[in-house]
N, C-alpha and C. Protein backbone atom coordinates (compact mmCIF):
# COMPACT_ATOMS: atom_id res chain seq x y z
N MET A 1 74.85 -17.57 -2.08
CA MET A 1 74.25 -16.24 -2.74
C MET A 1 73.47 -15.26 -2.21
N GLN A 2 74.21 -13.79 -3.25
CA GLN A 2 73.21 -12.57 -2.74
C GLN A 2 72.29 -12.61 -2.38
N ASP A 3 71.34 -11.95 -1.09
CA ASP A 3 70.40 -11.66 -0.91
C ASP A 3 69.25 -10.97 -1.64
N SER A 4 67.90 -11.79 -2.23
CA SER A 4 66.98 -11.17 -3.00
C SER A 4 66.20 -10.12 -2.41
N ILE A 5 65.37 -9.26 -3.12
CA ILE A 5 65.17 -7.89 -2.58
C ILE A 5 63.39 -8.55 -1.62
N PHE A 6 63.45 -10.39 -1.73
CA PHE A 6 62.27 -11.07 -1.07
C PHE A 6 63.40 -11.04 0.42
N THR A 7 64.59 -11.41 0.16
CA THR A 7 65.59 -11.67 1.58
C THR A 7 65.75 -10.37 1.77
N LYS A 8 65.64 -9.34 1.79
CA LYS A 8 66.16 -8.20 1.99
C LYS A 8 64.39 -7.64 2.89
N MET A 9 63.39 -7.97 2.09
CA MET A 9 62.12 -7.69 2.91
C MET A 9 61.68 -8.18 4.10
N VAL A 10 62.13 -10.06 3.97
CA VAL A 10 62.42 -10.61 5.03
C VAL A 10 62.90 -10.09 6.59
N LYS A 11 63.92 -9.67 5.72
CA LYS A 11 64.91 -9.31 6.89
C LYS A 11 64.70 -7.84 7.52
N GLY A 12 63.88 -7.13 6.90
CA GLY A 12 63.08 -5.44 7.71
C GLY A 12 63.55 -4.71 6.56
N GLU A 13 64.80 -5.04 5.64
CA GLU A 13 65.58 -4.09 4.95
C GLU A 13 64.34 -3.19 4.27
N ILE A 14 63.62 -3.71 3.50
CA ILE A 14 62.73 -3.15 1.94
C ILE A 14 61.31 -3.13 2.87
N PRO A 15 60.85 -2.04 2.96
CA PRO A 15 59.49 -2.11 2.98
C PRO A 15 58.50 -2.65 2.72
N TYR A 16 57.31 -3.78 3.21
CA TYR A 16 56.50 -3.90 1.83
C TYR A 16 55.39 -4.02 2.33
N HIS A 17 53.96 -4.51 2.07
CA HIS A 17 52.51 -5.02 2.44
C HIS A 17 52.14 -6.14 2.84
N LYS A 18 52.44 -6.51 3.54
CA LYS A 18 52.46 -7.69 4.58
C LYS A 18 50.90 -8.31 5.05
N VAL A 19 50.88 -9.21 4.13
CA VAL A 19 48.93 -10.07 4.68
C VAL A 19 49.24 -10.60 5.76
N TYR A 20 50.48 -11.39 5.09
CA TYR A 20 50.10 -13.29 6.30
C TYR A 20 51.74 -13.83 7.01
N GLU A 21 51.90 -14.06 7.29
CA GLU A 21 52.85 -14.31 7.92
C GLU A 21 52.81 -15.61 9.09
N ASP A 22 53.55 -16.66 8.87
CA ASP A 22 53.97 -18.03 9.99
C ASP A 22 55.57 -18.42 10.15
N GLU A 23 55.88 -19.36 10.83
CA GLU A 23 57.30 -19.57 10.40
C GLU A 23 58.07 -19.50 9.87
N LEU A 24 57.21 -20.46 8.33
CA LEU A 24 58.10 -20.78 7.33
C LEU A 24 57.93 -19.18 5.65
N THR A 25 56.27 -19.08 6.39
CA THR A 25 56.14 -18.14 4.74
C THR A 25 55.68 -16.87 4.99
N ILE A 26 55.83 -16.30 3.78
CA ILE A 26 55.28 -14.29 3.92
C ILE A 26 54.09 -14.34 2.76
N ALA A 27 53.01 -13.81 3.19
CA ALA A 27 52.09 -13.53 1.50
C ALA A 27 52.23 -11.79 2.09
N PHE A 28 52.47 -11.05 0.38
CA PHE A 28 52.76 -10.05 0.81
C PHE A 28 51.69 -9.30 -0.65
N LEU A 29 51.16 -8.15 -0.52
CA LEU A 29 51.24 -7.68 -2.01
C LEU A 29 52.31 -6.97 -3.04
N ASP A 30 51.66 -7.63 -3.84
CA ASP A 30 52.90 -7.24 -5.11
C ASP A 30 52.78 -5.82 -5.16
N TYR A 31 53.90 -5.35 -5.62
CA TYR A 31 54.27 -3.95 -6.16
C TYR A 31 53.91 -3.32 -7.51
N GLN A 32 54.00 -4.30 -8.19
CA GLN A 32 53.12 -4.43 -10.02
C GLN A 32 52.11 -5.07 -9.78
N PRO A 33 50.90 -4.83 -9.25
CA PRO A 33 50.03 -5.89 -9.26
C PRO A 33 49.00 -6.39 -10.65
N LEU A 34 48.91 -7.12 -11.06
CA LEU A 34 48.18 -7.64 -12.55
C LEU A 34 46.65 -6.62 -12.11
N THR A 35 46.38 -7.11 -10.69
CA THR A 35 44.88 -7.15 -10.86
C THR A 35 44.91 -6.15 -9.01
N LYS A 36 43.89 -6.11 -8.98
CA LYS A 36 43.28 -5.83 -7.07
C LYS A 36 43.62 -6.95 -5.99
N GLY A 37 44.58 -7.00 -5.02
CA GLY A 37 44.31 -8.18 -4.69
C GLY A 37 45.55 -9.16 -5.04
N HIS A 38 46.46 -8.63 -5.98
CA HIS A 38 47.19 -9.59 -6.43
C HIS A 38 48.35 -9.67 -5.23
N LEU A 39 48.82 -11.21 -4.87
CA LEU A 39 49.71 -11.22 -3.70
C LEU A 39 51.26 -12.18 -4.54
N LEU A 40 51.60 -12.03 -3.41
CA LEU A 40 52.99 -12.94 -3.57
C LEU A 40 53.13 -13.99 -2.13
N VAL A 41 53.37 -14.62 -2.67
CA VAL A 41 53.75 -16.03 -1.21
C VAL A 41 55.11 -16.47 -1.59
N ILE A 42 56.17 -16.54 -0.43
CA ILE A 42 57.12 -16.77 -0.66
C ILE A 42 57.45 -17.64 0.60
N PRO A 43 58.71 -18.48 0.65
CA PRO A 43 59.40 -19.23 1.63
C PRO A 43 60.12 -17.70 2.61
N LYS A 44 60.43 -17.93 3.49
CA LYS A 44 61.03 -17.15 4.52
C LYS A 44 62.67 -17.47 4.01
N GLU A 45 63.03 -18.43 3.66
CA GLU A 45 64.23 -19.13 3.32
C GLU A 45 64.70 -18.67 2.14
N GLN A 46 65.59 -18.54 1.09
CA GLN A 46 65.73 -17.73 0.19
C GLN A 46 66.44 -19.34 -0.98
N ILE A 47 65.63 -19.92 -1.50
CA ILE A 47 65.56 -20.86 -2.10
C ILE A 47 64.95 -20.49 -3.56
N ASP A 48 65.86 -20.50 -4.44
CA ASP A 48 65.75 -19.80 -5.95
C ASP A 48 64.76 -21.02 -6.38
N HIS A 49 64.47 -22.09 -6.70
CA HIS A 49 63.76 -22.85 -7.54
C HIS A 49 62.33 -23.70 -6.44
N LEU A 50 61.33 -23.44 -6.58
CA LEU A 50 60.27 -24.09 -5.84
C LEU A 50 60.27 -25.57 -5.88
N ASP A 51 60.96 -25.97 -6.61
CA ASP A 51 61.28 -27.44 -6.40
C ASP A 51 62.39 -28.05 -5.69
N GLU A 52 63.31 -26.83 -5.08
CA GLU A 52 64.17 -27.61 -4.81
C GLU A 52 63.54 -27.39 -3.00
N CYS A 53 62.48 -27.06 -2.56
CA CYS A 53 61.92 -26.93 -1.14
C CYS A 53 62.02 -27.81 -1.00
N SER A 54 62.23 -28.21 0.42
CA SER A 54 62.23 -29.67 1.05
C SER A 54 60.50 -29.76 0.88
N PRO A 55 60.07 -30.69 1.06
CA PRO A 55 58.69 -31.32 0.86
C PRO A 55 57.76 -30.46 2.09
N GLU A 56 58.55 -30.84 3.12
CA GLU A 56 57.61 -29.44 4.20
C GLU A 56 57.42 -28.14 4.01
N LEU A 57 58.55 -27.52 3.34
CA LEU A 57 58.68 -26.26 3.02
C LEU A 57 57.67 -25.84 1.98
N TYR A 58 57.65 -27.09 0.90
CA TYR A 58 56.80 -26.80 -0.04
C TYR A 58 54.96 -27.01 0.05
N THR A 59 54.92 -27.66 1.17
CA THR A 59 53.75 -28.14 1.64
C THR A 59 52.94 -26.67 2.46
N ALA A 60 53.94 -25.99 3.18
CA ALA A 60 53.93 -25.08 3.76
C ALA A 60 53.45 -23.61 2.75
N ILE A 61 54.24 -23.64 1.67
CA ILE A 61 54.04 -22.37 0.68
C ILE A 61 52.75 -22.67 0.13
N PHE A 62 52.53 -24.14 0.14
CA PHE A 62 50.69 -24.33 -0.73
C PHE A 62 49.69 -24.12 0.63
N SER A 63 49.97 -24.39 1.44
CA SER A 63 49.22 -24.15 2.65
C SER A 63 48.71 -22.81 2.75
N THR A 64 49.91 -21.53 3.16
CA THR A 64 49.76 -20.21 2.58
C THR A 64 49.07 -19.67 1.61
N VAL A 65 48.97 -20.22 0.24
CA VAL A 65 48.48 -20.20 -0.87
C VAL A 65 46.99 -20.10 -1.07
N HIS A 66 46.85 -21.43 -0.47
CA HIS A 66 45.17 -21.50 -0.22
C HIS A 66 44.57 -20.78 0.89
N LYS A 67 45.72 -20.23 1.97
CA LYS A 67 44.56 -19.35 3.25
C LYS A 67 44.49 -18.07 2.66
N MET A 68 45.54 -17.69 1.78
CA MET A 68 45.27 -16.63 0.78
C MET A 68 44.42 -16.01 0.16
N SER A 69 43.97 -17.31 -1.07
CA SER A 69 42.99 -18.20 -2.04
C SER A 69 41.75 -17.79 -1.30
N VAL A 70 41.50 -18.41 -0.09
CA VAL A 70 40.39 -18.33 0.84
C VAL A 70 39.77 -16.69 1.10
N GLN A 71 40.71 -16.32 1.66
CA GLN A 71 40.93 -14.46 1.99
C GLN A 71 40.35 -13.84 1.20
N ILE A 72 41.04 -14.06 0.17
CA ILE A 72 40.83 -12.87 -0.94
C ILE A 72 39.38 -13.71 -1.76
N LYS A 73 39.08 -14.52 -2.29
CA LYS A 73 37.93 -15.15 -2.13
C LYS A 73 36.33 -14.48 -1.72
N ILE A 74 36.67 -14.29 -0.26
CA ILE A 74 35.86 -13.79 0.87
C ILE A 74 35.55 -12.19 0.96
N ALA A 75 36.70 -11.56 0.23
CA ALA A 75 37.25 -10.34 0.80
C ALA A 75 37.07 -9.30 -0.39
N LEU A 76 36.95 -9.82 -1.70
CA LEU A 76 37.21 -9.17 -2.87
C LEU A 76 36.50 -10.02 -3.92
N GLN A 77 35.97 -11.71 -3.68
CA GLN A 77 34.51 -11.50 -4.42
C GLN A 77 35.42 -11.24 -5.64
N PRO A 78 36.59 -12.55 -6.70
CA PRO A 78 36.76 -12.60 -8.02
C PRO A 78 36.03 -13.74 -8.52
N LEU A 79 36.15 -14.15 -9.78
CA LEU A 79 35.37 -14.98 -10.60
C LEU A 79 36.72 -15.93 -10.06
N ARG A 80 37.44 -16.16 -10.22
CA ARG A 80 38.51 -16.98 -10.01
C ARG A 80 39.44 -16.72 -9.11
N ILE A 81 40.80 -17.44 -9.19
CA ILE A 81 42.15 -17.47 -7.95
C ILE A 81 43.13 -17.75 -9.26
N ALA A 82 43.73 -17.12 -10.01
CA ALA A 82 44.43 -18.06 -10.43
C ALA A 82 45.80 -17.71 -9.64
N LEU A 83 46.95 -19.09 -10.20
CA LEU A 83 48.16 -19.38 -9.53
C LEU A 83 49.23 -19.03 -10.73
N ILE A 84 50.24 -18.31 -10.40
CA ILE A 84 51.19 -18.47 -11.67
C ILE A 84 52.48 -18.45 -10.43
N VAL A 85 53.02 -19.74 -11.17
CA VAL A 85 54.59 -19.98 -10.56
C VAL A 85 55.96 -19.86 -12.13
N HIS A 86 56.44 -18.69 -12.14
CA HIS A 86 57.28 -19.30 -13.19
C HIS A 86 58.82 -18.74 -12.54
N GLY A 87 58.94 -17.74 -11.66
CA GLY A 87 60.80 -17.85 -11.18
C GLY A 87 61.02 -16.84 -11.73
N PHE A 88 60.88 -16.02 -12.84
CA PHE A 88 61.99 -15.38 -13.81
C PHE A 88 62.57 -14.18 -13.00
N GLU A 89 61.64 -12.88 -12.31
CA GLU A 89 62.05 -12.30 -12.06
C GLU A 89 63.56 -12.32 -10.57
N VAL A 90 63.09 -12.96 -9.55
CA VAL A 90 63.31 -12.74 -8.38
C VAL A 90 64.58 -14.11 -8.36
N PRO A 91 65.36 -14.37 -8.19
CA PRO A 91 65.79 -15.81 -7.73
C PRO A 91 65.72 -16.18 -6.13
N HIS A 92 63.94 -16.16 -5.81
CA HIS A 92 63.50 -16.60 -4.48
C HIS A 92 62.70 -17.32 -5.11
N ALA A 93 61.75 -18.52 -5.07
CA ALA A 93 60.79 -19.17 -5.15
C ALA A 93 59.66 -18.51 -4.60
N HIS A 94 58.54 -18.32 -5.28
CA HIS A 94 57.63 -17.65 -4.92
C HIS A 94 56.52 -17.93 -6.06
N VAL A 95 55.25 -17.46 -5.49
CA VAL A 95 53.74 -17.94 -6.52
C VAL A 95 52.92 -17.20 -6.18
N HIS A 96 52.50 -16.37 -7.55
CA HIS A 96 51.78 -15.36 -7.27
C HIS A 96 49.73 -15.73 -7.26
N VAL A 97 49.55 -15.50 -6.57
CA VAL A 97 48.23 -15.64 -6.14
C VAL A 97 47.43 -14.28 -6.85
N VAL A 98 46.29 -14.00 -7.77
CA VAL A 98 46.27 -13.19 -8.73
C VAL A 98 44.75 -13.44 -8.64
N PRO A 99 43.66 -12.52 -8.25
CA PRO A 99 41.83 -12.54 -8.46
C PRO A 99 42.17 -12.58 -9.78
N VAL A 100 41.40 -12.83 -10.31
CA VAL A 100 40.61 -13.11 -11.71
C VAL A 100 39.22 -12.28 -11.42
N TYR A 101 39.12 -11.54 -12.44
CA TYR A 101 37.60 -10.63 -11.86
C TYR A 101 36.74 -11.16 -13.35
N THR A 102 37.05 -10.99 -14.26
CA THR A 102 36.41 -10.79 -15.43
C THR A 102 36.94 -11.89 -16.39
N GLY A 103 38.26 -12.34 -16.16
CA GLY A 103 38.53 -13.60 -16.96
C GLY A 103 39.55 -13.31 -18.41
N ASP A 104 39.42 -11.91 -18.36
CA ASP A 104 40.58 -11.04 -19.23
C ASP A 104 41.98 -10.50 -18.78
N GLU A 105 41.57 -10.75 -17.53
CA GLU A 105 43.34 -10.00 -17.06
C GLU A 105 44.56 -11.20 -17.40
N LEU A 106 44.24 -12.09 -17.74
CA LEU A 106 45.46 -13.28 -17.90
C LEU A 106 45.64 -13.56 -19.16
N HIS A 107 46.46 -13.41 -20.09
CA HIS A 107 46.30 -13.71 -21.19
C HIS A 107 47.82 -14.80 -21.24
N VAL A 108 48.09 -15.74 -20.41
CA VAL A 108 48.96 -16.70 -20.57
C VAL A 108 48.81 -17.69 -21.63
N ALA A 109 47.71 -18.02 -22.13
CA ALA A 109 48.01 -19.38 -23.01
C ALA A 109 48.25 -18.83 -24.63
N ALA A 110 49.25 -19.90 -25.38
CA ALA A 110 49.87 -19.35 -26.17
C ALA A 110 48.82 -18.70 -27.85
N LYS A 111 48.87 -18.35 -28.63
CA LYS A 111 47.99 -18.25 -29.43
C LYS A 111 47.92 -19.72 -30.08
N GLU A 112 49.08 -19.26 -30.42
CA GLU A 112 49.20 -21.17 -31.16
C GLU A 112 49.84 -21.96 -30.76
N ARG A 113 48.99 -23.47 -30.35
CA ARG A 113 49.37 -24.26 -29.93
C ARG A 113 49.27 -25.83 -30.76
N GLY A 114 50.49 -26.46 -29.88
CA GLY A 114 50.67 -27.89 -31.04
C GLY A 114 49.68 -28.96 -30.89
N ASN A 115 49.67 -29.77 -30.79
CA ASN A 115 48.80 -31.32 -30.52
C ASN A 115 49.70 -32.59 -30.20
N LEU A 116 49.55 -33.22 -29.05
CA LEU A 116 49.81 -33.98 -28.53
C LEU A 116 49.67 -35.21 -29.40
N ASP A 117 51.16 -35.31 -30.04
CA ASP A 117 50.31 -37.04 -30.59
C ASP A 117 50.20 -38.26 -30.10
N SER A 118 50.09 -39.30 -30.31
CA SER A 118 50.77 -40.78 -29.68
C SER A 118 51.74 -40.65 -29.26
N GLU A 119 52.50 -40.70 -30.19
CA GLU A 119 54.09 -41.34 -29.65
C GLU A 119 54.77 -40.40 -28.88
N MET A 120 54.36 -39.11 -29.19
CA MET A 120 55.15 -37.88 -28.27
C MET A 120 54.63 -38.35 -26.80
N ALA A 121 53.08 -38.62 -26.82
CA ALA A 121 52.76 -38.89 -25.34
C ALA A 121 53.18 -40.09 -24.49
N ARG A 122 53.49 -41.62 -25.46
CA ARG A 122 53.84 -42.36 -25.18
C ARG A 122 55.59 -42.12 -24.38
N SER A 123 55.88 -41.34 -25.29
CA SER A 123 57.36 -41.27 -24.80
C SER A 123 58.07 -40.09 -23.90
N LEU A 124 56.54 -38.97 -23.68
CA LEU A 124 56.60 -38.30 -22.37
C LEU A 124 56.51 -39.32 -21.19
N VAL A 125 55.46 -40.13 -21.51
CA VAL A 125 55.01 -40.67 -20.15
C VAL A 125 56.05 -41.80 -19.84
N ALA A 126 56.53 -42.49 -20.69
CA ALA A 126 57.94 -43.30 -20.74
C ALA A 126 58.95 -42.71 -19.64
N THR A 127 59.10 -41.45 -19.94
CA THR A 127 59.91 -40.31 -19.56
C THR A 127 59.82 -40.01 -18.49
N LEU A 128 58.70 -39.31 -18.08
CA LEU A 128 58.17 -38.63 -16.52
C LEU A 128 58.13 -39.67 -15.69
N THR A 129 57.86 -41.17 -16.02
CA THR A 129 57.83 -42.10 -15.10
C THR A 129 58.77 -43.34 -14.79
N SER A 130 59.65 -42.62 -15.11
CA SER A 130 61.01 -44.10 -15.48
C SER A 130 61.98 -43.30 -13.83
């Protein structure tokens, strides 16, 4: 697999604004922030999908997300912290940690949403628990 932009950052090949680092993870400022203080938390190891991380690495990532969320709340005092995991921009697992100041910054909800009927719910529960 070719090095992602995040892997190049971890290797020191591309400059970035690091906020936190431990043995397994790094948190840094997003270069195209949605809001003031928008961070990304990544594993140092290049893994494409978050669900492909080992349980230990997954836990380490979300431990760093928690630390950064607390630090953002103390330092910047947003109303909420939004977490976004979608993984389309870079083939390297990452979590967006986004301070929300007004509640209007993120519009991730679909305008028209379906309704979960009982039959669909039973089918999904059966599929997801088998």
